[in-house]
């Protein structure tokens, strides 16, 4: 259930989701101009690793970078939100529905029981080796990327104001917390 693909707005698109890092990402599935055939292979640093069966490349989801060639997948913007918000904002939007088999159902029950503590900072698979004390473990963040610049905005940053202005070189980006949809728009 971590990778799904379809045509979206006329573009071939692969959507990936890592439940450990609660990270959705979307890509053009071509790597170096070649068709790909992705499958999940592992996790490291609490993030999804997938492989392209065609080229043998390993790809880290969060960086969209192939391990061997250092090629990068072209990313498409995504927006994380609860399903109820998605239904309200995009009533005709497509939804990937995973139909688990019996073993999947057992695994999902165990995973679902453990994931709330994981999101609160009790890491399920302690493979992270970096220390970052800027935010509490498990705090929800939204990432913004403009060219080679990135910024992370913690949910708590919106406590004082629903609007945050960021400067990316000569461009100003405005991030807005939409309480009714539990999401950020930029």
N, C-alpha and C. Protein backbone atom coordinates (compact mmCIF):
# COMPACT_ATOMS: atom_id res chain seq x y z
N UNK A 1 0.80 -1.22 0.00
CA UNK A 1 0.00 0.00 0.00
C UNK A 1 0.84 1.28 0.00
N UNK A 2 2.15 1.17 -0.21
CA UNK A 2 3.02 2.33 -0.14
C UNK A 2 3.21 3.05 -1.46
N UNK A 3 2.89 2.40 -2.58
CA UNK A 3 3.12 2.98 -3.90
C UNK A 3 1.89 2.72 -4.77
N UNK A 4 1.41 3.78 -5.41
CA UNK A 4 0.29 3.65 -6.35
C UNK A 4 0.58 4.57 -7.53
N UNK A 5 0.13 4.19 -8.71
CA UNK A 5 0.38 5.01 -9.89
C UNK A 5 -0.86 5.18 -10.73
N UNK A 6 -0.91 6.30 -11.45
CA UNK A 6 -2.03 6.58 -12.33
C UNK A 6 -1.69 7.81 -13.17
N UNK A 7 -2.55 8.12 -14.10
CA UNK A 7 -2.46 9.37 -14.85
C UNK A 7 -3.22 10.43 -14.05
N UNK A 8 -2.56 11.55 -13.76
CA UNK A 8 -3.19 12.63 -13.01
C UNK A 8 -2.97 13.91 -13.80
N UNK A 9 -4.06 14.52 -14.23
CA UNK A 9 -3.94 15.74 -15.03
C UNK A 9 -3.13 15.54 -16.29
N UNK A 10 -3.21 14.35 -16.88
CA UNK A 10 -2.47 14.04 -18.10
C UNK A 10 -1.02 13.66 -17.87
N UNK A 11 -0.57 13.63 -16.61
CA UNK A 11 0.81 13.28 -16.28
C UNK A 11 0.86 11.89 -15.64
N UNK A 12 1.76 11.05 -16.12
CA UNK A 12 2.02 9.78 -15.46
C UNK A 12 2.55 10.08 -14.07
N UNK A 13 1.94 9.54 -13.04
CA UNK A 13 2.26 9.90 -11.66
C UNK A 13 2.36 8.67 -10.78
N UNK A 14 3.36 8.68 -9.91
CA UNK A 14 3.47 7.66 -8.87
C UNK A 14 3.38 8.37 -7.54
N UNK A 15 2.47 7.90 -6.70
CA UNK A 15 2.30 8.45 -5.36
C UNK A 15 2.90 7.47 -4.38
N UNK A 16 3.74 7.96 -3.47
CA UNK A 16 4.32 7.10 -2.44
C UNK A 16 3.89 7.63 -1.08
N UNK A 17 3.79 6.72 -0.12
CA UNK A 17 3.44 7.13 1.24
C UNK A 17 4.19 6.24 2.22
N UNK A 18 4.90 6.89 3.13
CA UNK A 18 5.59 6.17 4.20
C UNK A 18 4.84 6.44 5.49
N UNK A 19 4.24 5.40 6.06
CA UNK A 19 3.49 5.55 7.30
C UNK A 19 4.39 5.86 8.48
N UNK A 20 5.64 5.41 8.45
CA UNK A 20 6.55 5.67 9.56
C UNK A 20 6.87 7.16 9.68
N UNK A 21 7.11 7.81 8.56
CA UNK A 21 7.42 9.25 8.60
C UNK A 21 6.19 10.09 8.27
N UNK A 22 5.05 9.44 7.99
CA UNK A 22 3.80 10.12 7.64
C UNK A 22 4.04 11.07 6.47
N UNK A 23 4.78 10.56 5.47
CA UNK A 23 5.23 11.39 4.36
C UNK A 23 4.63 10.94 3.03
N UNK A 24 3.77 11.77 2.43
CA UNK A 24 3.32 11.51 1.07
C UNK A 24 4.22 12.24 0.09
N UNK A 25 4.56 11.59 -1.01
CA UNK A 25 5.32 12.24 -2.08
C UNK A 25 4.82 11.71 -3.42
N UNK A 26 4.89 12.55 -4.44
CA UNK A 26 4.47 12.15 -5.78
C UNK A 26 5.59 12.47 -6.76
N UNK A 27 5.73 11.59 -7.76
CA UNK A 27 6.83 11.71 -8.71
C UNK A 27 6.37 11.40 -10.12
N UNK A 28 7.15 11.88 -11.09
CA UNK A 28 7.07 11.35 -12.44
C UNK A 28 7.83 10.02 -12.37
N UNK A 29 7.23 8.92 -12.78
CA UNK A 29 7.88 7.62 -12.60
C UNK A 29 9.04 7.33 -13.55
N UNK A 30 9.36 8.23 -14.44
CA UNK A 30 10.52 8.00 -15.31
C UNK A 30 11.79 8.37 -14.57
N UNK A 31 12.81 7.53 -14.69
CA UNK A 31 14.11 7.78 -14.09
C UNK A 31 15.12 7.80 -15.23
N UNK A 32 15.80 8.92 -15.40
CA UNK A 32 16.72 9.11 -16.53
C UNK A 32 16.02 8.86 -17.86
N UNK A 33 14.75 9.26 -17.94
CA UNK A 33 13.97 9.12 -19.17
C UNK A 33 13.45 7.71 -19.43
N UNK A 34 13.73 6.78 -18.53
CA UNK A 34 13.33 5.38 -18.73
C UNK A 34 12.13 5.03 -17.84
N UNK A 35 11.28 4.13 -18.34
CA UNK A 35 10.16 3.65 -17.54
C UNK A 35 10.68 2.90 -16.31
N UNK A 36 9.92 2.97 -15.23
CA UNK A 36 10.30 2.30 -13.99
C UNK A 36 9.22 1.32 -13.57
N UNK A 37 9.58 0.48 -12.64
CA UNK A 37 8.65 -0.48 -12.03
C UNK A 37 9.03 -0.56 -10.55
N UNK A 38 8.41 0.30 -9.72
CA UNK A 38 8.80 0.43 -8.34
C UNK A 38 8.16 -0.61 -7.43
N UNK A 39 8.91 -0.99 -6.40
CA UNK A 39 8.35 -1.80 -5.32
C UNK A 39 9.11 -1.45 -4.04
N UNK A 40 8.41 -1.54 -2.93
CA UNK A 40 9.02 -1.27 -1.63
C UNK A 40 10.02 -2.37 -1.32
N UNK A 41 11.17 -1.98 -0.80
CA UNK A 41 12.17 -2.98 -0.46
C UNK A 41 12.56 -2.93 1.01
N UNK A 42 12.52 -1.74 1.64
CA UNK A 42 12.96 -1.64 3.04
C UNK A 42 12.58 -0.28 3.58
N UNK A 43 13.00 -0.04 4.82
CA UNK A 43 12.94 1.28 5.43
C UNK A 43 14.26 1.51 6.12
N UNK A 44 14.66 2.77 6.13
CA UNK A 44 15.84 3.16 6.89
C UNK A 44 15.61 4.58 7.36
N UNK A 45 16.13 4.89 8.51
CA UNK A 45 15.91 6.20 9.11
C UNK A 45 14.42 6.55 9.12
N UNK A 46 13.61 5.52 9.36
CA UNK A 46 12.16 5.68 9.41
C UNK A 46 11.60 6.32 8.15
N UNK A 47 12.11 5.89 7.01
CA UNK A 47 11.58 6.35 5.73
C UNK A 47 11.69 5.22 4.71
N UNK A 48 10.81 5.29 3.74
CA UNK A 48 10.64 4.27 2.71
C UNK A 48 11.84 4.20 1.76
N UNK A 49 12.26 2.99 1.47
CA UNK A 49 13.24 2.73 0.40
C UNK A 49 12.52 1.86 -0.62
N UNK A 50 12.56 2.27 -1.88
CA UNK A 50 11.98 1.42 -2.91
C UNK A 50 13.01 1.19 -4.00
N UNK A 51 12.76 0.17 -4.79
CA UNK A 51 13.68 -0.18 -5.86
C UNK A 51 12.94 -0.11 -7.19
N UNK A 52 13.68 0.15 -8.22
CA UNK A 52 13.15 0.08 -9.58
C UNK A 52 13.56 -1.27 -10.13
N UNK A 53 12.61 -2.12 -10.38
CA UNK A 53 12.89 -3.46 -10.89
C UNK A 53 13.57 -3.41 -12.26
N UNK A 54 13.37 -2.34 -13.01
CA UNK A 54 13.96 -2.26 -14.35
C UNK A 54 15.45 -1.93 -14.31
N UNK A 55 15.84 -0.96 -13.49
CA UNK A 55 17.24 -0.51 -13.47
C UNK A 55 18.03 -1.08 -12.30
N UNK A 56 17.35 -1.58 -11.28
CA UNK A 56 18.03 -2.05 -10.08
C UNK A 56 18.37 -0.94 -9.09
N UNK A 57 18.00 0.30 -9.41
CA UNK A 57 18.28 1.43 -8.52
C UNK A 57 17.50 1.31 -7.22
N UNK A 58 18.12 1.72 -6.12
CA UNK A 58 17.45 1.89 -4.84
C UNK A 58 17.18 3.38 -4.68
N UNK A 59 15.97 3.73 -4.23
CA UNK A 59 15.59 5.14 -4.14
C UNK A 59 15.08 5.42 -2.74
N UNK A 60 15.64 6.45 -2.11
CA UNK A 60 15.17 6.92 -0.81
C UNK A 60 14.00 7.86 -1.07
N UNK A 61 12.85 7.57 -0.49
CA UNK A 61 11.66 8.36 -0.77
C UNK A 61 11.86 9.84 -0.43
N UNK A 62 12.36 10.14 0.74
CA UNK A 62 12.40 11.53 1.21
C UNK A 62 13.31 12.42 0.35
N UNK A 63 14.34 11.85 -0.26
CA UNK A 63 15.24 12.65 -1.11
C UNK A 63 14.95 12.49 -2.59
N UNK A 64 14.16 11.48 -2.96
CA UNK A 64 13.83 11.19 -4.37
C UNK A 64 15.09 10.90 -5.19
N UNK A 65 16.14 10.40 -4.51
CA UNK A 65 17.43 10.20 -5.17
C UNK A 65 17.77 8.73 -5.29
N UNK A 66 18.21 8.34 -6.48
CA UNK A 66 18.66 6.97 -6.74
C UNK A 66 20.04 6.78 -6.14
N UNK A 67 20.23 5.69 -5.45
CA UNK A 67 21.47 5.42 -4.70
C UNK A 67 22.69 5.30 -5.61
N UNK A 68 22.59 4.58 -6.71
CA UNK A 68 23.76 4.30 -7.53
C UNK A 68 24.09 5.44 -8.49
N UNK A 69 23.12 5.89 -9.26
CA UNK A 69 23.38 6.92 -10.27
C UNK A 69 23.28 8.34 -9.71
N UNK A 70 22.71 8.48 -8.51
CA UNK A 70 22.44 9.78 -7.90
C UNK A 70 21.45 10.60 -8.72
N UNK A 71 20.74 9.93 -9.65
CA UNK A 71 19.69 10.60 -10.41
C UNK A 71 18.52 10.89 -9.47
N UNK A 72 17.79 11.95 -9.79
CA UNK A 72 16.65 12.32 -8.97
C UNK A 72 15.36 12.18 -9.76
N UNK A 73 14.34 11.69 -9.10
CA UNK A 73 13.01 11.66 -9.69
C UNK A 73 12.45 13.08 -9.70
N UNK A 74 11.69 13.41 -10.72
CA UNK A 74 11.00 14.70 -10.75
C UNK A 74 9.82 14.63 -9.79
N UNK A 75 9.80 15.54 -8.82
CA UNK A 75 8.74 15.56 -7.82
C UNK A 75 7.56 16.40 -8.27
N UNK A 76 6.37 16.00 -7.84
CA UNK A 76 5.17 16.79 -8.00
C UNK A 76 4.74 17.26 -6.61
N UNK A 77 4.16 18.45 -6.51
CA UNK A 77 3.72 18.90 -5.20
C UNK A 77 2.56 18.06 -4.67
N UNK A 78 2.56 17.84 -3.37
CA UNK A 78 1.48 17.12 -2.71
C UNK A 78 1.05 17.92 -1.48
N UNK A 79 -0.10 17.57 -0.96
CA UNK A 79 -0.60 18.22 0.24
C UNK A 79 -1.21 17.16 1.14
N UNK A 80 -0.69 17.07 2.36
CA UNK A 80 -1.18 16.08 3.32
C UNK A 80 -2.39 16.66 4.06
N UNK A 81 -3.44 15.84 4.18
CA UNK A 81 -4.65 16.27 4.89
C UNK A 81 -5.45 15.03 5.27
N UNK A 82 -6.35 15.15 6.25
CA UNK A 82 -7.22 14.01 6.57
C UNK A 82 -8.14 13.69 5.39
N UNK A 83 -8.61 12.44 5.37
CA UNK A 83 -9.47 12.00 4.27
C UNK A 83 -10.75 12.82 4.17
N UNK A 84 -11.34 13.18 5.31
CA UNK A 84 -12.57 13.98 5.30
C UNK A 84 -12.36 15.32 4.61
N UNK A 85 -11.19 15.92 4.81
CA UNK A 85 -10.87 17.20 4.14
C UNK A 85 -10.72 16.98 2.65
N UNK A 86 -10.04 15.89 2.26
CA UNK A 86 -9.87 15.57 0.84
C UNK A 86 -11.23 15.41 0.16
N UNK A 87 -12.15 14.66 0.81
CA UNK A 87 -13.48 14.45 0.23
C UNK A 87 -14.22 15.78 0.04
N UNK A 88 -14.07 16.68 1.01
CA UNK A 88 -14.74 17.96 0.92
C UNK A 88 -14.13 18.85 -0.16
N UNK A 89 -12.80 18.91 -0.22
CA UNK A 89 -12.12 19.78 -1.17
C UNK A 89 -12.11 19.21 -2.59
N UNK A 90 -12.02 17.89 -2.72
CA UNK A 90 -11.91 17.24 -4.03
C UNK A 90 -12.94 16.12 -4.14
N UNK A 91 -14.24 16.47 -4.23
CA UNK A 91 -15.28 15.43 -4.22
C UNK A 91 -15.16 14.42 -5.37
N UNK A 92 -14.49 14.77 -6.45
CA UNK A 92 -14.31 13.83 -7.56
C UNK A 92 -12.88 13.30 -7.63
N UNK A 93 -12.09 13.55 -6.57
CA UNK A 93 -10.71 13.10 -6.53
C UNK A 93 -10.60 11.58 -6.47
N UNK A 94 -9.54 11.03 -7.07
CA UNK A 94 -9.31 9.59 -7.07
C UNK A 94 -8.70 9.15 -5.75
N UNK A 95 -9.12 7.97 -5.29
CA UNK A 95 -8.61 7.40 -4.04
C UNK A 95 -8.10 6.00 -4.32
N UNK A 96 -6.86 5.72 -3.92
CA UNK A 96 -6.30 4.38 -4.01
C UNK A 96 -6.79 3.60 -2.79
N UNK A 97 -7.42 2.46 -3.04
CA UNK A 97 -7.91 1.64 -1.94
C UNK A 97 -7.16 0.32 -1.93
N UNK A 98 -6.43 0.10 -0.85
CA UNK A 98 -5.67 -1.13 -0.67
C UNK A 98 -6.60 -2.21 -0.12
N UNK A 99 -6.62 -3.36 -0.77
CA UNK A 99 -7.46 -4.47 -0.32
C UNK A 99 -6.55 -5.55 0.26
N UNK A 100 -6.40 -5.55 1.60
CA UNK A 100 -5.46 -6.46 2.24
C UNK A 100 -5.92 -7.91 2.22
N UNK A 101 -4.93 -8.83 2.16
CA UNK A 101 -5.25 -10.24 2.34
C UNK A 101 -5.20 -10.53 3.85
N UNK A 102 -5.39 -11.77 4.26
CA UNK A 102 -5.46 -12.13 5.68
C UNK A 102 -4.17 -11.77 6.43
N UNK A 103 -3.02 -12.07 5.85
CA UNK A 103 -1.75 -11.74 6.49
C UNK A 103 -1.57 -10.23 6.60
N UNK A 104 -1.96 -9.50 5.55
CA UNK A 104 -1.89 -8.04 5.58
C UNK A 104 -2.77 -7.49 6.71
N UNK A 105 -3.96 -8.07 6.88
CA UNK A 105 -4.87 -7.58 7.92
C UNK A 105 -4.27 -7.75 9.31
N UNK A 106 -3.63 -8.86 9.57
CA UNK A 106 -2.98 -9.09 10.86
C UNK A 106 -1.84 -8.09 11.05
N UNK A 107 -1.02 -7.93 10.03
CA UNK A 107 0.10 -7.00 10.10
C UNK A 107 -0.40 -5.57 10.32
N UNK A 108 -1.46 -5.19 9.61
CA UNK A 108 -2.01 -3.85 9.76
C UNK A 108 -2.55 -3.60 11.17
N UNK A 109 -3.18 -4.60 11.77
CA UNK A 109 -3.68 -4.45 13.15
C UNK A 109 -2.53 -4.20 14.11
N UNK A 110 -1.44 -4.95 13.97
CA UNK A 110 -0.27 -4.75 14.83
C UNK A 110 0.34 -3.37 14.59
N UNK A 111 0.45 -3.00 13.33
CA UNK A 111 1.02 -1.70 12.97
C UNK A 111 0.15 -0.57 13.50
N UNK A 112 -1.17 -0.68 13.29
CA UNK A 112 -2.09 0.37 13.73
C UNK A 112 -2.06 0.55 15.25
N UNK A 113 -1.83 -0.53 15.98
CA UNK A 113 -1.74 -0.44 17.44
C UNK A 113 -0.47 0.29 17.88
N UNK A 114 0.61 0.15 17.10
CA UNK A 114 1.90 0.73 17.48
C UNK A 114 2.12 2.14 16.94
N UNK A 115 1.42 2.54 15.89
CA UNK A 115 1.74 3.81 15.21
C UNK A 115 1.44 5.04 16.06
N UNK A 116 0.40 5.10 16.90
CA UNK A 116 0.20 6.33 17.70
C UNK A 116 1.41 6.65 18.59
N UNK A 117 1.98 5.66 19.24
CA UNK A 117 3.17 5.89 20.08
C UNK A 117 4.36 6.31 19.21
N UNK A 118 4.46 5.75 18.01
CA UNK A 118 5.53 6.12 17.08
C UNK A 118 5.45 7.62 16.75
N UNK A 119 4.23 8.09 16.43
CA UNK A 119 4.05 9.50 16.08
C UNK A 119 4.29 10.42 17.28
N UNK A 120 4.19 9.89 18.48
CA UNK A 120 4.45 10.69 19.68
C UNK A 120 5.93 10.69 20.06
N UNK A 121 6.77 9.99 19.29
CA UNK A 121 8.20 10.05 19.53
C UNK A 121 8.82 8.76 20.01
N UNK A 122 8.02 7.72 20.26
CA UNK A 122 8.55 6.40 20.62
C UNK A 122 8.73 5.60 19.34
N UNK A 123 9.87 5.79 18.70
CA UNK A 123 10.12 5.30 17.35
C UNK A 123 9.97 3.78 17.26
N UNK A 124 9.15 3.34 16.31
CA UNK A 124 8.85 1.92 16.12
C UNK A 124 10.09 1.13 15.69
N UNK A 125 10.81 1.65 14.71
CA UNK A 125 12.03 1.03 14.22
C UNK A 125 13.15 2.04 14.45
N UNK A 126 13.90 1.93 15.53
CA UNK A 126 14.88 2.97 15.87
C UNK A 126 16.12 2.95 14.99
N UNK A 127 15.94 3.33 13.74
CA UNK A 127 17.06 3.36 12.80
C UNK A 127 17.60 4.76 12.58
N UNK A 128 16.96 5.75 13.20
CA UNK A 128 17.45 7.12 13.06
C UNK A 128 18.74 7.29 13.85
N UNK A 129 19.74 7.90 13.25
CA UNK A 129 21.00 8.11 13.94
C UNK A 129 21.31 9.59 14.10
N UNK A 130 20.40 10.45 13.69
CA UNK A 130 20.67 11.87 13.81
C UNK A 130 19.86 12.45 14.98
N UNK A 131 20.45 13.44 15.61
CA UNK A 131 19.79 14.11 16.72
C UNK A 131 19.43 15.51 16.28
N UNK A 132 18.18 15.88 16.49
CA UNK A 132 17.71 17.21 16.14
C UNK A 132 16.75 17.65 17.24
N UNK A 133 17.19 18.57 18.05
CA UNK A 133 16.39 19.01 19.19
C UNK A 133 15.55 20.24 18.90
N UNK A 134 15.47 20.65 17.64
CA UNK A 134 14.70 21.86 17.33
C UNK A 134 13.20 21.67 17.54
N UNK A 135 12.72 20.44 17.36
CA UNK A 135 11.30 20.14 17.55
C UNK A 135 11.15 18.90 18.40
N UNK A 136 10.01 18.78 19.04
CA UNK A 136 9.72 17.57 19.80
C UNK A 136 9.55 16.40 18.84
N UNK A 137 10.01 15.22 19.26
CA UNK A 137 9.79 14.02 18.44
C UNK A 137 8.31 13.87 18.17
N UNK A 138 7.99 13.56 16.93
CA UNK A 138 6.61 13.30 16.56
C UNK A 138 5.80 14.52 16.18
N UNK A 139 6.37 15.73 16.29
CA UNK A 139 5.58 16.91 15.92
C UNK A 139 5.37 16.93 14.41
N UNK A 140 4.13 17.19 14.00
CA UNK A 140 3.81 17.25 12.57
C UNK A 140 4.48 18.47 11.94
N UNK A 141 5.07 18.26 10.78
CA UNK A 141 5.68 19.36 10.02
C UNK A 141 5.20 19.30 8.59
N UNK A 142 5.25 20.44 7.94
CA UNK A 142 4.98 20.54 6.52
C UNK A 142 6.26 21.05 5.87
N UNK A 143 6.65 20.41 4.79
CA UNK A 143 7.86 20.80 4.10
C UNK A 143 7.53 21.59 2.86
N UNK A 144 8.31 22.61 2.60
CA UNK A 144 8.20 23.40 1.39
C UNK A 144 9.51 23.34 0.64
N UNK A 145 9.42 23.26 -0.68
CA UNK A 145 10.62 23.21 -1.50
C UNK A 145 10.43 24.14 -2.68
N UNK A 146 11.41 24.98 -2.89
CA UNK A 146 11.41 25.90 -4.02
C UNK A 146 12.81 25.86 -4.61
N UNK A 147 12.95 25.24 -5.79
CA UNK A 147 14.28 25.06 -6.36
C UNK A 147 15.11 24.18 -5.44
N UNK A 148 16.29 24.65 -5.05
CA UNK A 148 17.15 23.89 -4.14
C UNK A 148 16.98 24.28 -2.69
N UNK A 149 16.03 25.14 -2.37
CA UNK A 149 15.79 25.58 -1.00
C UNK A 149 14.64 24.78 -0.39
N UNK A 150 14.80 24.44 0.86
CA UNK A 150 13.74 23.74 1.58
C UNK A 150 13.50 24.40 2.92
N UNK A 151 12.28 24.27 3.42
CA UNK A 151 11.94 24.74 4.76
C UNK A 151 10.94 23.76 5.35
N UNK A 152 11.01 23.61 6.65
CA UNK A 152 10.04 22.79 7.38
C UNK A 152 9.29 23.70 8.33
N UNK A 153 7.98 23.57 8.36
CA UNK A 153 7.15 24.37 9.25
C UNK A 153 6.42 23.42 10.18
N UNK A 154 6.66 23.60 11.47
CA UNK A 154 6.00 22.77 12.48
C UNK A 154 4.56 23.25 12.67
N UNK A 155 3.69 22.33 13.01
CA UNK A 155 2.30 22.69 13.29
C UNK A 155 2.24 23.77 14.35
N UNK A 156 3.10 23.67 15.37
CA UNK A 156 3.10 24.66 16.46
C UNK A 156 3.47 26.06 15.99
N UNK A 157 4.12 26.19 14.85
CA UNK A 157 4.48 27.52 14.33
C UNK A 157 3.24 28.33 13.98
N UNK A 158 2.12 27.66 13.76
CA UNK A 158 0.88 28.35 13.41
C UNK A 158 0.05 28.72 14.64
N UNK A 159 0.56 28.43 15.84
CA UNK A 159 -0.21 28.71 17.06
C UNK A 159 -0.49 30.21 17.23
N UNK A 160 0.45 31.05 16.85
CA UNK A 160 0.28 32.50 17.02
C UNK A 160 -0.46 33.13 15.85
N UNK A 161 -0.29 32.58 14.66
CA UNK A 161 -0.92 33.15 13.47
C UNK A 161 -1.08 32.05 12.43
N UNK A 162 -2.20 32.05 11.71
CA UNK A 162 -2.38 31.03 10.67
C UNK A 162 -1.59 31.32 9.39
N UNK A 163 -0.86 32.44 9.35
CA UNK A 163 -0.10 32.82 8.16
C UNK A 163 1.37 33.01 8.53
N UNK A 164 2.25 32.35 7.77
CA UNK A 164 3.69 32.48 7.97
C UNK A 164 4.31 32.86 6.63
N UNK A 165 5.17 33.89 6.66
CA UNK A 165 5.87 34.32 5.45
C UNK A 165 7.30 33.81 5.51
N UNK A 166 7.74 33.22 4.40
CA UNK A 166 9.11 32.72 4.28
C UNK A 166 9.77 33.38 3.07
N UNK A 167 11.08 33.54 3.16
CA UNK A 167 11.83 34.13 2.05
C UNK A 167 12.72 33.04 1.43
N UNK A 168 12.55 32.79 0.14
CA UNK A 168 13.39 31.86 -0.61
C UNK A 168 14.12 32.69 -1.65
N UNK A 169 15.37 33.06 -1.36
CA UNK A 169 16.14 33.96 -2.21
C UNK A 169 15.33 35.24 -2.43
N UNK A 170 14.91 35.50 -3.65
CA UNK A 170 14.17 36.73 -3.91
C UNK A 170 12.66 36.51 -3.96
N UNK A 171 12.21 35.31 -3.58
CA UNK A 171 10.78 35.00 -3.61
C UNK A 171 10.22 34.88 -2.22
N UNK A 172 9.03 35.42 -2.02
CA UNK A 172 8.35 35.26 -0.74
C UNK A 172 7.29 34.17 -0.89
N UNK A 173 7.29 33.24 0.04
CA UNK A 173 6.30 32.17 0.07
C UNK A 173 5.42 32.40 1.30
N UNK A 174 4.14 32.30 1.13
CA UNK A 174 3.20 32.45 2.24
C UNK A 174 2.58 31.09 2.51
N UNK A 175 2.74 30.60 3.73
CA UNK A 175 2.14 29.33 4.16
C UNK A 175 0.96 29.66 5.07
N UNK A 176 -0.16 28.99 4.82
CA UNK A 176 -1.39 29.26 5.57
C UNK A 176 -1.91 27.96 6.18
N UNK A 177 -2.21 27.97 7.48
CA UNK A 177 -2.84 26.84 8.16
C UNK A 177 -4.34 26.99 8.02
N UNK A 178 -4.98 25.98 7.42
CA UNK A 178 -6.43 25.94 7.27
C UNK A 178 -6.99 24.98 8.31
N UNK A 179 -7.42 25.54 9.43
CA UNK A 179 -7.91 24.74 10.57
C UNK A 179 -9.03 23.78 10.16
N UNK A 180 -9.99 24.30 9.37
CA UNK A 180 -11.16 23.48 9.01
C UNK A 180 -10.78 22.25 8.17
N UNK A 181 -9.64 22.29 7.50
CA UNK A 181 -9.18 21.16 6.69
C UNK A 181 -7.97 20.46 7.28
N UNK A 182 -7.43 20.99 8.37
CA UNK A 182 -6.26 20.43 9.04
C UNK A 182 -5.08 20.25 8.07
N UNK A 183 -4.82 21.31 7.31
CA UNK A 183 -3.73 21.24 6.33
C UNK A 183 -3.13 22.62 6.10
N UNK A 184 -1.99 22.62 5.43
CA UNK A 184 -1.27 23.84 5.09
C UNK A 184 -1.31 24.02 3.58
N UNK A 185 -1.54 25.23 3.15
CA UNK A 185 -1.43 25.59 1.75
C UNK A 185 -0.33 26.62 1.61
N UNK A 186 0.37 26.63 0.49
CA UNK A 186 1.46 27.60 0.31
C UNK A 186 1.32 28.28 -1.04
